Amino acid sequence: MDGIINVYKERGYTSFDVVAKLRGILHERRIGHTGTLDPEAEGVLPVCVGSATKACELLLDKEKEYEAVLLFGVETDTQDITGNVLKRSAVTADFEEAKQALLSFVGTYAQIPPMYSALKINGKKLYEFAREGKVVERAARQVTIYSIKILSDSFSDGGAAHGLPKPEFSDGEFSGGEKTIRFRVTCSKGTYIRALCEDVGRVLGCGGCMKSLKRTRVSSFLEDDAHTLSEIEQICASGRAGELLMPTERLFLRYPALCMREGADKSLYNGNKLREGEVLLWQQAQDTSCFRVYDSNGRFYALYRYDEGEGCYRNVKMFAPR
């Protein structure tokens, strides 16, 4: 079983929970996810199966889209409402000022990763330091906010009207006159929406944190096409597991396709460099930074790059089917 499943991660599950449950459902050990979602977040989580696990790191680099609710006037140690409240402040900004503060982050900016994150410093994850009550200095990283669309037309109830939950803070529910904005953001890899929410609150001088988060897209993987774990289990139980799998090669359709000539497959199977005389151009595309390579029987095997200096194609990543 090789390919990618578009999973809809529900609240309460970690990304590793999803992988563990899929191993049991699919009876497959080679499974990996393509980017962590916090337990209280939900949404699109592409999961790679079999030989497609080699594509996990490539999917981590793709742009992502989220819908989030930003709560003003509250700061927490986790930068979302699951954490301990550190400070509450009056929100004196009006909706237009809050909206403009959020939109001002479109573009590239230096973002400090949250302490409650899986990033490692000296081999130790930041959230492990945080759970010990330690704050570690983190270098800011360049992230890009490609677009932000405001989904509220005024300060709202925090998303209840849109079917979003009204969670409780660790020190009791904060229910007095919440001021929130719901928005959709498209961003680069490595962007933390929790940190973005806090940064916007800091600009306004009242603080802020993330109230809810849903990932609606990872590259070409969309929310509408995603399946919950229970749906996947039902589909597999009915013998239709193949319907869930997207072929790995679909991730790379922007690259031209090369097909091995008959008798030349061995070079591909061994991951050797390929001479121009060994391949035929099968499908053209504008992005020639890589090439999809198929054996003479039309089976996708690898990504290659062209080496102009030597006049040959060199192996980037093998996806040999089993």
C-alpha atoms as a PDB file:
ATOM      1  CA  MET A   1       0.000   0.000   0.000  1.00  0.00           C
ATOM      2  CA  ASP A   2       1.677   3.198  -1.223  1.00  0.00           C
ATOM      3  CA  GLY A   3       0.274   6.723  -1.460  1.00  0.00           C
ATOM      4  CA  ILE A   4      -1.054   9.676   0.521  1.00  0.00           C
ATOM      5  CA  ILE A   5      -4.286   9.855   2.540  1.00  0.00           C
ATOM      6  CA  ASN A   6      -5.899  13.215   3.208  1.00  0.00           C
ATOM      7  CA  VAL A   7      -6.902  12.864   6.869  1.00  0.00           C
ATOM      8  CA  TYR A   8      -9.183  15.282   8.709  1.00  0.00           C
ATOM      9  CA  LYS A   9      -7.676  15.426  12.200  1.00  0.00           C
ATOM     10  CA  GLU A  10     -10.345  16.016  14.800  1.00  0.00           C
ATOM     11  CA  ARG A  11      -9.890  17.837  18.102  1.00  0.00           C
ATOM     12  CA  GLY A  12      -8.412  15.799  20.933  1.00  0.00           C
ATOM     13  CA  TYR A  13      -6.027  13.789  18.761  1.00  0.00           C
ATOM     14  CA  THR A  14      -2.324  14.480  18.371  1.00  0.00           C
ATOM     15  CA  SER A  15      -0.782  14.008  14.938  1.00  0.00           C
ATOM     16  CA  PHE A  16       1.028  10.963  16.333  1.00  0.00           C
ATOM     17  CA  ASP A  17      -2.319   9.569  17.547  1.00  0.00           C
ATOM     18  CA  VAL A  18      -3.535   9.723  13.957  1.00  0.00           C
ATOM     19  CA  VAL A  19      -0.486   7.833  12.691  1.00  0.00           C
ATOM     20  CA  ALA A  20      -0.824   5.170  15.421  1.00  0.00           C
ATOM     21  CA  LYS A  21      -4.525   4.600  14.683  1.00  0.00           C
ATOM     22  CA  LEU A  22      -3.908   4.401  10.937  1.00  0.00           C
ATOM     23  CA  ARG A  23      -1.238   1.757  11.451  1.00  0.00           C
ATOM     24  CA  GLY A  24      -3.894  -0.377  13.107  1.00  0.00           C
ATOM     25  CA  ILE A  25      -6.577   0.371  10.517  1.00  0.00           C
ATOM     26  CA  LEU A  26      -4.365  -0.131   7.462  1.00  0.00           C
ATOM     27  CA  HIS A  27      -2.112  -2.852   8.939  1.00  0.00           C
ATOM     28  CA  GLU A  28       0.850  -0.880   7.641  1.00  0.00           C
ATOM     29  CA  ARG A  29       3.914   0.165   9.655  1.00  0.00           C
ATOM     30  CA  ARG A  30       5.370   2.657   7.192  1.00  0.00           C
ATOM     31  CA  ILE A  31       3.197   5.699   7.904  1.00  0.00           C
ATOM     32  CA  GLY A  32       4.226   9.295   8.562  1.00  0.00           C
ATOM     33  CA  HIS A  33       2.411  12.616   8.905  1.00  0.00           C
ATOM     34  CA  THR A  34       3.354  15.795   7.083  1.00  0.00           C
ATOM     35  CA  GLY A  35       3.215  18.485   9.741  1.00  0.00           C
ATOM     36  CA  THR A  36       2.105  18.581  13.354  1.00  0.00           C
ATOM     37  CA  LEU A  37      -1.289  19.965  14.358  1.00  0.00           C
ATOM     38  CA  ASP A  38      -1.875  20.829  18.018  1.00  0.00           C
ATOM     39  CA  PRO A  39      -4.284  18.464  19.834  1.00  0.00           C
ATOM     40  CA  GLU A  40      -6.993  21.160  20.067  1.00  0.00           C
ATOM     41  CA  ALA A  41      -6.581  22.140  16.417  1.00  0.00           C
ATOM     42  CA  GLU A  42      -8.392  20.343  13.636  1.00  0.00           C
ATOM     43  CA  GLY A  43      -8.227  20.026   9.897  1.00  0.00           C
ATOM     44  CA  VAL A  44      -6.165  18.740   7.006  1.00  0.00           C
ATOM     45  CA  LEU A  45      -3.309  16.362   7.848  1.00  0.00           C
ATOM     46  CA  PRO A  46      -1.887  14.537   4.815  1.00  0.00           C
ATOM     47  CA  VAL A  47      -0.483  11.164   5.862  1.00  0.00           C
ATOM     48  CA  CYS A  48       2.047   9.275   3.744  1.00  0.00           C
ATOM     49  CA  VAL A  49       1.832   5.477   3.481  1.00  0.00           C
ATOM     50  CA  GLY A  50       4.440   2.962   2.324  1.00  0.00           C
ATOM     51  CA  SER A  51       7.021   4.296  -0.126  1.00  0.00           C
ATOM     52  CA  ALA A  52       5.228   7.670  -0.050  1.00  0.00           C
ATOM     53  CA  THR A  53       6.732   8.283   3.430  1.00  0.00           C
ATOM     54  CA  LYS A  54       9.779   9.534   1.563  1.00  0.00           C
ATOM     55  CA  ALA A  55       7.637  12.504   0.484  1.00  0.00           C
ATOM     56  CA  CYS A  56       6.866  13.615   4.054  1.00  0.00           C
ATOM     57  CA  GLU A  57       9.702  16.113   4.232  1.00  0.00           C
ATOM     58  CA  LEU A  58       8.742  17.506   0.818  1.00  0.00           C
ATOM     59  CA  LEU A  59       5.169  18.170   1.956  1.00  0.00           C
ATOM     60  CA  LEU A  60       6.434  19.924   5.080  1.00  0.00           C
ATOM     61  CA  ASP A  61       7.733  22.685   2.799  1.00  0.00           C
ATOM     62  CA  LYS A  62       4.351  23.421   1.201  1.00  0.00           C
ATOM     63  CA  GLU A  63       2.225  26.462   1.900  1.00  0.00           C
ATOM     64  CA  LYS A  64      -0.714  26.005   4.252  1.00  0.00           C
ATOM     65  CA  GLU A  65      -4.065  27.668   4.850  1.00  0.00           C
ATOM     66  CA  TYR A  66      -5.829  28.052   8.192  1.00  0.00           C
ATOM     67  CA  GLU A  67      -8.988  29.506   9.685  1.00  0.00           C
ATOM     68  CA  ALA A  68      -8.430  30.905  13.168  1.00  0.00           C
ATOM     69  CA  VAL A  69     -10.119  32.964  15.848  1.00  0.00           C
ATOM     70  CA  LEU A  70      -7.984  35.590  17.588  1.00  0.00           C
ATOM     71  CA  LEU A  71      -9.042  36.593  21.103  1.00  0.00           C
ATOM     72  CA  PHE A  72      -7.875  40.048  22.188  1.00  0.00           C
ATOM     73  CA  GLY A  73      -7.041  41.117  25.728  1.00  0.00           C
ATOM     74  CA  VAL A  74      -5.754  37.767  27.014  1.00  0.00           C
ATOM     75  CA  GLU A  75      -2.184  36.447  27.098  1.00  0.00           C
ATOM     76  CA  THR A  76      -1.347  32.840  28.010  1.00  0.00           C
ATOM     77  CA  ASP A  77       1.822  30.791  28.372  1.00  0.00           C
ATOM     78  CA  THR A  78       0.900  28.629  25.364  1.00  0.00           C
ATOM     79  CA  GLN A  79      -0.307  31.552  23.199  1.00  0.00           C
ATOM     80  CA  ASP A  80      -3.714  29.879  22.942  1.00  0.00           C
ATOM     81  CA  ILE A  81      -6.600  29.341  25.337  1.00  0.00           C
ATOM     82  CA  THR A  82      -5.397  25.928  26.501  1.00  0.00           C
ATOM     83  CA  GLY A  83      -2.690  27.545  28.607  1.00  0.00           C
ATOM     84  CA  ASN A  84      -2.466  29.416  31.876  1.00  0.00           C
ATOM     85  CA  VAL A  85      -3.631  33.020  31.709  1.00  0.00           C
ATOM     86  CA  LEU A  86      -0.683  35.339  32.298  1.00  0.00           C
ATOM     87  CA  LYS A  87      -2.402  38.676  31.807  1.00  0.00           C
ATOM     88  CA  ARG A  88      -5.743  40.232  30.951  1.00  0.00           C
ATOM     89  CA  SER A  89      -5.973  43.729  29.477  1.00  0.00           C
ATOM     90  CA  ALA A  90      -8.705  46.078  28.384  1.00  0.00           C
ATOM     91  CA  VAL A  91      -9.213  46.190  24.614  1.00  0.00           C
ATOM     92  CA  THR A  92      -9.458  49.848  23.644  1.00  0.00           C
ATOM     93  CA  ALA A  93      -8.970  49.348  19.894  1.00  0.00           C
ATOM     94  CA  ASP A  94     -12.047  49.295  17.686  1.00  0.00           C
ATOM     95  CA  PHE A  95     -12.717  46.612  15.090  1.00  0.00           C
ATOM     96  CA  GLU A  96     -11.148  48.550  12.218  1.00  0.00           C
ATOM     97  CA  GLU A  97      -7.923  49.127  14.167  1.00  0.00           C
ATOM     98  CA  ALA A  98      -7.780  45.456  15.125  1.00  0.00           C
ATOM     99  CA  LYS A  99      -8.382  44.402  11.534  1.00  0.00           C
ATOM    100  CA  GLN A 100      -5.635  46.670  10.209  1.00  0.00           C
ATOM    101  CA  ALA A 101      -3.203  45.382  12.838  1.00  0.00           C
ATOM    102  CA  LEU A 102      -3.841  41.825  11.668  1.00  0.00           C
ATOM    103  CA  LEU A 103      -3.564  42.708   7.972  1.00  0.00           C
ATOM    104  CA  SER A 104      -0.271  44.516   8.612  1.00  0.00           C
ATOM    105  CA  PHE A 105       1.418  41.122   9.024  1.00  0.00           C
ATOM    106  CA  VAL A 106       0.925  40.174   5.363  1.00  0.00           C
ATOM    107  CA  GLY A 107       4.402  39.722   3.944  1.00  0.00           C
ATOM    108  CA  THR A 108       7.606  38.351   5.446  1.00  0.00           C
ATOM    109  CA  TYR A 109       8.381  38.973   9.094  1.00  0.00           C
ATOM    110  CA  ALA A 110      10.607  37.620  11.863  1.00  0.00           C
ATOM    111  CA  GLN A 111       8.541  35.343  14.132  1.00  0.00           C
ATOM    112  CA  ILE A 112       9.769  33.888  17.424  1.00  0.00           C
ATOM    113  CA  PRO A 113       8.704  30.216  17.723  1.00  0.00           C
ATOM    114  CA  PRO A 114       6.489  29.378  20.727  1.00  0.00           C
ATOM    115  CA  MET A 115       7.963  27.717  23.794  1.00  0.00           C
ATOM    116  CA  TYR A 116       5.201  25.133  23.485  1.00  0.00           C
ATOM    117  CA  SER A 117       6.402  23.714  20.169  1.00  0.00           C
ATOM    118  CA  ALA A 118       8.265  20.657  18.940  1.00  0.00           C
ATOM    119  CA  LEU A 119      11.293  22.612  17.748  1.00  0.00           C
ATOM    120  CA  LYS A 120      14.529  21.327  19.227  1.00  0.00           C
ATOM    121  CA  ILE A 121      17.313  23.259  20.930  1.00  0.00           C
ATOM    122  CA  ASN A 122      20.411  21.235  21.816  1.00  0.00           C
ATOM    123  CA  GLY A 123      18.472  18.055  21.040  1.00  0.00           C
ATOM    124  CA  LYS A 124      15.581  18.847  23.373  1.00  0.00           C
ATOM    125  CA  LYS A 125      12.085  19.903  22.309  1.00  0.00           C
ATOM    126  CA  LEU A 126      10.988  23.354  23.400  1.00  0.00           C
ATOM    127  CA  TYR A 127       7.769  22.096  24.987  1.00  0.00           C
ATOM    128  CA  GLU A 128       9.878  19.847  27.237  1.00  0.00           C
ATOM    129  CA  PHE A 129      11.677  22.929  28.578  1.00  0.00           C
ATOM    130  CA  ALA A 130       8.318  24.717  28.934  1.00  0.00           C
ATOM    131  CA  ARG A 131       6.840  21.882  30.984  1.00  0.00           C
ATOM    132  CA  GLU A 132       9.802  22.201  33.334  1.00  0.00           C
ATOM    133  CA  GLY A 133       8.951  25.869  33.804  1.00  0.00           C
ATOM    134  CA  LYS A 134      11.947  27.030  31.775  1.00  0.00           C
ATOM    135  CA  VAL A 135      12.000  29.702  29.092  1.00  0.00           C
ATOM    136  CA  VAL A 136      14.708  29.232  26.464  1.00  0.00           C
ATOM    137  CA  GLU A 137      15.935  32.006  24.212  1.00  0.00           C
ATOM    138  CA  ARG A 138      14.745  31.365  20.654  1.00  0.00           C
ATOM    139  CA  ALA A 139      16.017  33.012  17.514  1.00  0.00           C
ATOM    140  CA  ALA A 140      13.375  34.649  15.336  1.00  0.00           C
ATOM    141  CA  ARG A 141      12.749  32.928  12.009  1.00  0.00           C
ATOM    142  CA  GLN A 142      11.617  34.489   8.744  1.00  0.00           C
ATOM    143  CA  VAL A 143       8.089  33.379   7.842  1.00  0.00           C
ATOM    144  CA  THR A 144       5.807  34.603   5.092  1.00  0.00           C
ATOM    145  CA  ILE A 145       2.129  35.464   5.389  1.00  0.00           C
ATOM    146  CA  TYR A 146       0.882  35.314   1.800  1.00  0.00           C
ATOM    147  CA  SER A 147      -2.639  36.526   2.517  1.00  0.00           C
ATOM    148  CA  ILE A 148      -5.118  37.230   5.301  1.00  0.00           C
ATOM    149  CA  LYS A 149      -8.868  37.430   4.785  1.00  0.00           C
ATOM    150  CA  ILE A 150     -11.015  38.770   7.604  1.00  0.00           C
ATOM    151  CA  LEU A 151     -14.079  36.536   8.051  1.00  0.00           C
ATOM    152  CA  SER A 152     -15.739  38.678  10.749  1.00  0.00           C
ATOM    153  CA  ASP A 153     -17.578  41.910   9.971  1.00  0.00           C
ATOM    154  CA  SER A 154     -17.184  43.155  13.547  1.00  0.00           C
ATOM    155  CA  PHE A 155     -15.878  41.985  16.900  1.00  0.00           C
ATOM    156  CA  SER A 156     -17.695  38.689  17.347  1.00  0.00           C
ATOM    157  CA  ASP A 157     -18.598  36.039  19.902  1.00  0.00           C
ATOM    158  CA  GLY A 158     -15.395  34.104  19.290  1.00  0.00           C
ATOM    159  CA  GLY A 159     -16.792  31.889  16.566  1.00  0.00           C
ATOM    160  CA  ALA A 160     -19.821  30.322  18.239  1.00  0.00           C
ATOM    161  CA  ALA A 161     -21.991  31.525  15.385  1.00  0.00           C
ATOM    162  CA  HIS A 162     -19.776  29.584  12.986  1.00  0.00           C
ATOM    163  CA  GLY A 163     -19.954  26.298  14.876  1.00  0.00           C
ATOM    164  CA  LEU A 164     -16.690  26.804  16.734  1.00  0.00           C
ATOM    165  CA  PRO A 165     -16.515  25.788  20.397  1.00  0.00           C
ATOM    166  CA  LYS A 166     -16.230  28.149  23.327  1.00  0.00           C
ATOM    167  CA  PRO A 167     -13.453  26.461  25.317  1.00  0.00           C
ATOM    168  CA  GLU A 168     -12.520  27.236  28.890  1.00  0.00           C
ATOM    169  CA  PHE A 169      -9.322  28.731  30.178  1.00  0.00           C
ATOM    170  CA  SER A 170      -7.323  26.720  32.652  1.00  0.00           C
ATOM    171  CA  ASP A 171      -8.273  29.172  35.408  1.00  0.00           C
ATOM    172  CA  GLY A 172     -11.963  29.357  34.536  1.00  0.00           C
ATOM    173  CA  GLU A 173     -13.950  30.529  31.552  1.00  0.00           C
ATOM    174  CA  PHE A 174     -13.402  34.094  30.408  1.00  0.00           C
ATOM    175  CA  SER A 175     -16.859  35.164  29.373  1.00  0.00           C
ATOM    176  CA  GLY A 176     -17.017  38.896  29.900  1.00  0.00           C
ATOM    177  CA  GLY A 177     -17.302  40.807  26.637  1.00  0.00           C
ATOM    178  CA  GLU A 178     -14.878  38.820  24.484  1.00  0.00           C
ATOM    179  CA  LYS A 179     -13.513  40.647  21.465  1.00  0.00           C
ATOM    180  CA  THR A 180     -12.467  38.287  18.696  1.00  0.00           C
ATOM    181  CA  ILE A 181     -11.762  38.280  14.986  1.00  0.00           C
ATOM    182  CA  ARG A 182     -12.123  35.227  12.768  1.00  0.00           C
ATOM    183  CA  PHE A 183      -9.743  35.138   9.788  1.00  0.00           C
ATOM    184  CA  ARG A 184      -8.264  32.932   7.073  1.00  0.00           C
ATOM    185  CA  VAL A 185      -4.508  32.971   6.539  1.00  0.00           C
ATOM    186  CA  THR A 186      -2.265  31.447   3.897  1.00  0.00           C
ATOM    187  CA  CYS A 187       1.331  31.116   5.033  1.00  0.00           C
ATOM    188  CA  SER A 188       4.704  29.501   4.517  1.00  0.00           C
ATOM    189  CA  LYS A 189       6.112  26.492   6.321  1.00  0.00           C
ATOM    190  CA  GLY A 190       7.214  27.126   9.879  1.00  0.00           C
ATOM    191  CA  THR A 191       4.549  29.738  10.603  1.00  0.00           C
ATOM    192  CA  TYR A 192       2.849  29.472  13.991  1.00  0.00           C
ATOM    193  CA  ILE A 193      -0.645  30.967  14.009  1.00  0.00           C
ATOM    194  CA  ARG A 194      -0.535  31.096  17.821  1.00  0.00           C
ATOM    195  CA  ALA A 195       2.525  33.332  17.615  1.00  0.00           C
ATOM    196  CA  LEU A 196       0.850  35.467  14.942  1.00  0.00           C
ATOM    197  CA  CYS A 197      -2.153  36.021  17.231  1.00  0.00           C
ATOM    198  CA  GLU A 198       0.092  37.059  20.094  1.00  0.00           C
ATOM    199  CA  ASP A 199       2.082  39.375  17.822  1.00  0.00           C
ATOM    200  CA  VAL A 200      -1.092  41.114  16.634  1.00  0.00           C
ATOM    201  CA  GLY A 201      -2.226  41.610  20.232  1.00  0.00           C
ATOM    202  CA  ARG A 202       1.165  43.062  21.091  1.00  0.00           C
ATOM    203  CA  VAL A 203       0.883  45.596  18.249  1.00  0.00           C
ATOM    204  CA  LEU A 204      -2.463  46.768  19.675  1.00  0.00           C
ATOM    205  CA  GLY A 205      -1.047  46.910  23.201  1.00  0.00           C
ATOM    206  CA  CYS A 206      -3.731  44.671  24.690  1.00  0.00           C
ATOM    207  CA  GLY A 207      -2.277  41.230  24.091  1.00  0.00           C
ATOM    208  CA  GLY A 208      -3.968  38.376  22.321  1.00  0.00           C
ATOM    209  CA  CYS A 209      -4.058  34.620  21.936  1.00  0.00           C
ATOM    210  CA  MET A 210      -5.497  32.033  19.586  1.00  0.00           C
ATOM    211  CA  LYS A 211      -8.960  30.753  20.472  1.00  0.00           C
ATOM    212  CA  SER A 212      -9.410  28.117  17.756  1.00  0.00           C
ATOM    213  CA  LEU A 213      -7.596  26.791  14.702  1.00  0.00           C
ATOM    214  CA  LYS A 214      -8.569  24.753  11.669  1.00  0.00           C
ATOM    215  CA  ARG A 215      -6.191  23.865   8.846  1.00  0.00           C
ATOM    216  CA  THR A 216      -8.146  23.996   5.603  1.00  0.00           C
ATOM    217  CA  ARG A 217      -5.394  23.266   3.089  1.00  0.00           C
ATOM    218  CA  VAL A 218      -1.898  21.819   2.746  1.00  0.00           C
ATOM    219  CA  SER A 219      -0.659  22.418  -0.805  1.00  0.00           C
ATOM    220  CA  SER A 220      -3.321  20.734  -3.000  1.00  0.00           C
ATOM    221  CA  PHE A 221      -4.892  18.773  -0.111  1.00  0.00           C
ATOM    222  CA  LEU A 222      -8.241  20.389   0.739  1.00  0.00           C
ATOM    223  CA  GLU A 223     -10.582  20.207   3.710  1.00  0.00           C
ATOM    224  CA  ASP A 224     -13.511  19.120   1.509  1.00  0.00           C
ATOM    225  CA  ASP A 225     -11.604  16.011   0.377  1.00  0.00           C
ATOM    226  CA  ALA A 226     -10.356  14.941   3.823  1.00  0.00           C
ATOM    227  CA  HIS A 227     -11.636  11.921   5.788  1.00  0.00           C
ATOM    228  CA  THR A 228     -11.931  11.473   9.546  1.00  0.00           C
ATOM    229  CA  LEU A 229     -10.421   8.398  11.161  1.00  0.00           C
ATOM    230  CA  SER A 230     -13.860   6.826  11.604  1.00  0.00           C
ATOM    231  CA  GLU A 231     -14.637   7.362   7.913  1.00  0.00           C
ATOM    232  CA  ILE A 232     -11.305   5.823   6.938  1.00  0.00           C
ATOM    233  CA  GLU A 233     -11.990   2.824   9.164  1.00  0.00           C
ATOM    234  CA  GLN A 234     -15.396   2.274   7.550  1.00  0.00           C
ATOM    235  CA  ILE A 235     -14.001   2.578   4.023  1.00  0.00           C
ATOM    236  CA  CYS A 236     -11.201   0.103   4.784  1.00  0.00           C
ATOM    237  CA  ALA A 237     -13.620  -2.327   6.442  1.00  0.00           C
ATOM    238  CA  SER A 238     -15.619  -2.409   3.212  1.00  0.00           C
ATOM    239  CA  GLY A 239     -12.501  -3.324   1.211  1.00  0.00           C
ATOM    240  CA  ARG A 240     -12.148   0.061  -0.500  1.00  0.00           C
ATOM    241  CA  ALA A 241      -8.885   1.253   1.055  1.00  0.00           C
ATOM    242  CA  GLY A 242      -7.466   1.984  -2.394  1.00  0.00           C
ATOM    243  CA  GLU A 243     -10.022   4.769  -2.841  1.00  0.00           C
ATOM    244  CA  LEU A 244      -8.331   6.753  -0.077  1.00  0.00           C
ATOM    245  CA  LEU A 245      -4.840   6.691  -1.545  1.00  0.00           C
ATOM    246  CA  MET A 246      -3.580   9.523  -3.724  1.00  0.00           C
ATOM    247  CA  PRO A 247      -0.650   8.363  -5.894  1.00  0.00           C
ATOM    248  CA  THR A 248       2.627   9.897  -4.732  1.00  0.00           C
ATOM    249  CA  GLU A 249       3.393  11.178  -8.206  1.00  0.00           C
ATOM    250  CA  ARG A 250       0.456  13.613  -8.006  1.00  0.00           C
ATOM    251  CA  LEU A 251       2.557  15.752  -5.673  1.00  0.00           C
ATOM    252  CA  PHE A 252       4.960  16.374  -8.526  1.00  0.00           C
ATOM    253  CA  LEU A 253       2.733  16.983 -11.545  1.00  0.00           C
ATOM    254  CA  ARG A 254       4.293  20.420 -12.033  1.00  0.00           C
ATOM    255  CA  TYR A 255       7.493  18.665 -13.172  1.00  0.00           C
ATOM    256  CA  PRO A 256       8.040  17.128 -16.634  1.00  0.00           C
ATOM    257  CA  ALA A 257       7.827  13.336 -16.887  1.00  0.00           C
ATOM    258  CA  LEU A 258      10.541  11.118 -18.313  1.00  0.00           C
ATOM    259  CA  CYS A 259      10.075   7.476 -19.313  1.00  0.00           C
ATOM    260  CA  MET A 260      12.911   4.979 -19.469  1.00  0.00           C
ATOM    261  CA  ARG A 261      13.626   3.377 -22.810  1.00  0.00           C
ATOM    262  CA  GLU A 262      13.246  -0.369 -22.976  1.00  0.00           C
ATOM    263  CA  GLY A 263      16.359  -2.112 -21.694  1.00  0.00           C
ATOM    264  CA  ALA A 264      17.471   0.910 -19.620  1.00  0.00           C
ATOM    265  CA  ASP A 265      15.346   0.313 -16.513  1.00  0.00           C
ATOM    266  CA  LYS A 266      18.222  -1.097 -14.457  1.00  0.00           C
ATOM    267  CA  SER A 267      19.859   2.344 -14.175  1.00  0.00           C
ATOM    268  CA  LEU A 268      16.648   3.739 -12.712  1.00  0.00           C
ATOM    269  CA  TYR A 269      16.029   0.799 -10.380  1.00  0.00           C
ATOM    270  CA  ASN A 270      19.541   1.229  -8.939  1.00  0.00           C
ATOM    271  CA  GLY A 271      19.162   4.989  -8.556  1.00  0.00           C
ATOM    272  CA  ASN A 272      22.075   5.601 -10.934  1.00  0.00           C
ATOM    273  CA  LYS A 273      22.564   8.682 -13.065  1.00  0.00           C
ATOM    274  CA  LEU A 274      20.587   8.584 -16.302  1.00  0.00           C
ATOM    275  CA  ARG A 275      22.022   9.536 -19.673  1.00  0.00           C
ATOM    276  CA  GLU A 276      19.862  11.434 -22.134  1.00  0.00           C
ATOM    277  CA  GLY A 277      19.856   8.449 -24.476  1.00  0.00           C
ATOM    278  CA  GLU A 278      18.230   6.290 -21.771  1.00  0.00           C
ATOM    279  CA  VAL A 279      15.083   8.410 -21.351  1.00  0.00           C
ATOM    280  CA  LEU A 280      12.241   9.813 -23.415  1.00  0.00           C
ATOM    281  CA  LEU A 281      10.341  13.013 -22.616  1.00  0.00           C
ATOM    282  CA  TRP A 282       6.864  11.744 -21.819  1.00  0.00           C
ATOM    283  CA  GLN A 283       5.074  14.845 -20.534  1.00  0.00           C
ATOM    284  CA  GLN A 284       6.171  18.468 -20.689  1.00  0.00           C
ATOM    285  CA  ALA A 285       5.882  21.056 -17.891  1.00  0.00           C
ATOM    286  CA  GLN A 286       7.312  24.504 -17.187  1.00  0.00           C
ATOM    287  CA  ASP A 287       9.078  23.715 -13.891  1.00  0.00           C
ATOM    288  CA  THR A 288      12.198  21.826 -14.945  1.00  0.00           C
ATOM    289  CA  SER A 289      13.948  22.015 -11.565  1.00  0.00           C
ATOM    290  CA  CYS A 290      13.052  18.310 -11.202  1.00  0.00           C
ATOM    291  CA  PHE A 291      11.752  15.483 -13.377  1.00  0.00           C
ATOM    292  CA  ARG A 292       9.362  12.641 -12.635  1.00  0.00           C
ATOM    293  CA  VAL A 293      10.923   9.420 -13.877  1.00  0.00           C
ATOM    294  CA  TYR A 294       8.920   6.305 -14.842  1.00  0.00           C
ATOM    295  CA  ASP A 295      10.202   2.890 -15.830  1.00  0.00           C
ATOM    296  CA  SER A 296       9.509   1.504 -19.303  1.00  0.00           C
ATOM    297  CA  ASN A 297       6.248  -0.005 -17.978  1.00  0.00           C
ATOM    298  CA  GLY A 298       4.944   3.401 -16.899  1.00  0.00           C
ATOM    299  CA  ARG A 299       5.451   2.997 -13.121  1.00  0.00           C
ATOM    300  CA  PHE A 300       6.551   6.087 -11.197  1.00  0.00           C
ATOM    301  CA  TYR A 301       9.908   5.493  -9.525  1.00  0.00           C
ATOM    302  CA  ALA A 302      11.805   8.649  -8.668  1.00  0.00           C
ATOM    303  CA  LEU A 303      12.521  12.351  -8.862  1.00  0.00           C
ATOM    304  CA  TYR A 304      15.654  13.369 -10.753  1.00  0.00           C
ATOM    305  CA  ARG A 305      17.437  16.643 -11.480  1.00  0.00           C
ATOM    306  CA  TYR A 306      19.291  17.491 -14.666  1.00  0.00           C
ATOM    307  CA  ASP A 307      23.028  18.080 -14.316  1.00  0.00           C
ATOM    308  CA  GLU A 308      23.976  20.412 -17.164  1.00  0.00           C
ATOM    309  CA  GLY A 309      27.689  20.053 -16.463  1.00  0.00           C
ATOM    310  CA  GLU A 310      27.655  16.309 -17.064  1.00  0.00           C
ATOM    311  CA  GLY A 311      24.663  16.173 -19.382  1.00  0.00           C
ATOM    312  CA  CYS A 312      22.827  13.605 -17.262  1.00  0.00           C
ATOM    313  CA  TYR A 313      19.990  13.244 -14.744  1.00  0.00           C
ATOM    314  CA  ARG A 314      20.856  12.642 -11.080  1.00  0.00           C
ATOM    315  CA  ASN A 315      18.676  10.981  -8.445  1.00  0.00           C
ATOM    316  CA  VAL A 316      16.928  13.239  -5.902  1.00  0.00           C
ATOM    317  CA  LYS A 317      14.487  10.846  -4.232  1.00  0.00           C
ATOM    318  CA  MET A 318      13.421   7.271  -4.920  1.00  0.00           C
ATOM    319  CA  PHE A 319       9.776   6.199  -4.584  1.00  0.00           C
ATOM    320  CA  ALA A 320      10.095   2.635  -5.866  1.00  0.00           C
ATOM    321  CA  PRO A 321       6.719   0.837  -5.680  1.00  0.00           C
ATOM    322  CA  ARG A 322       6.609  -2.407  -3.735  1.00  0.00           C
END
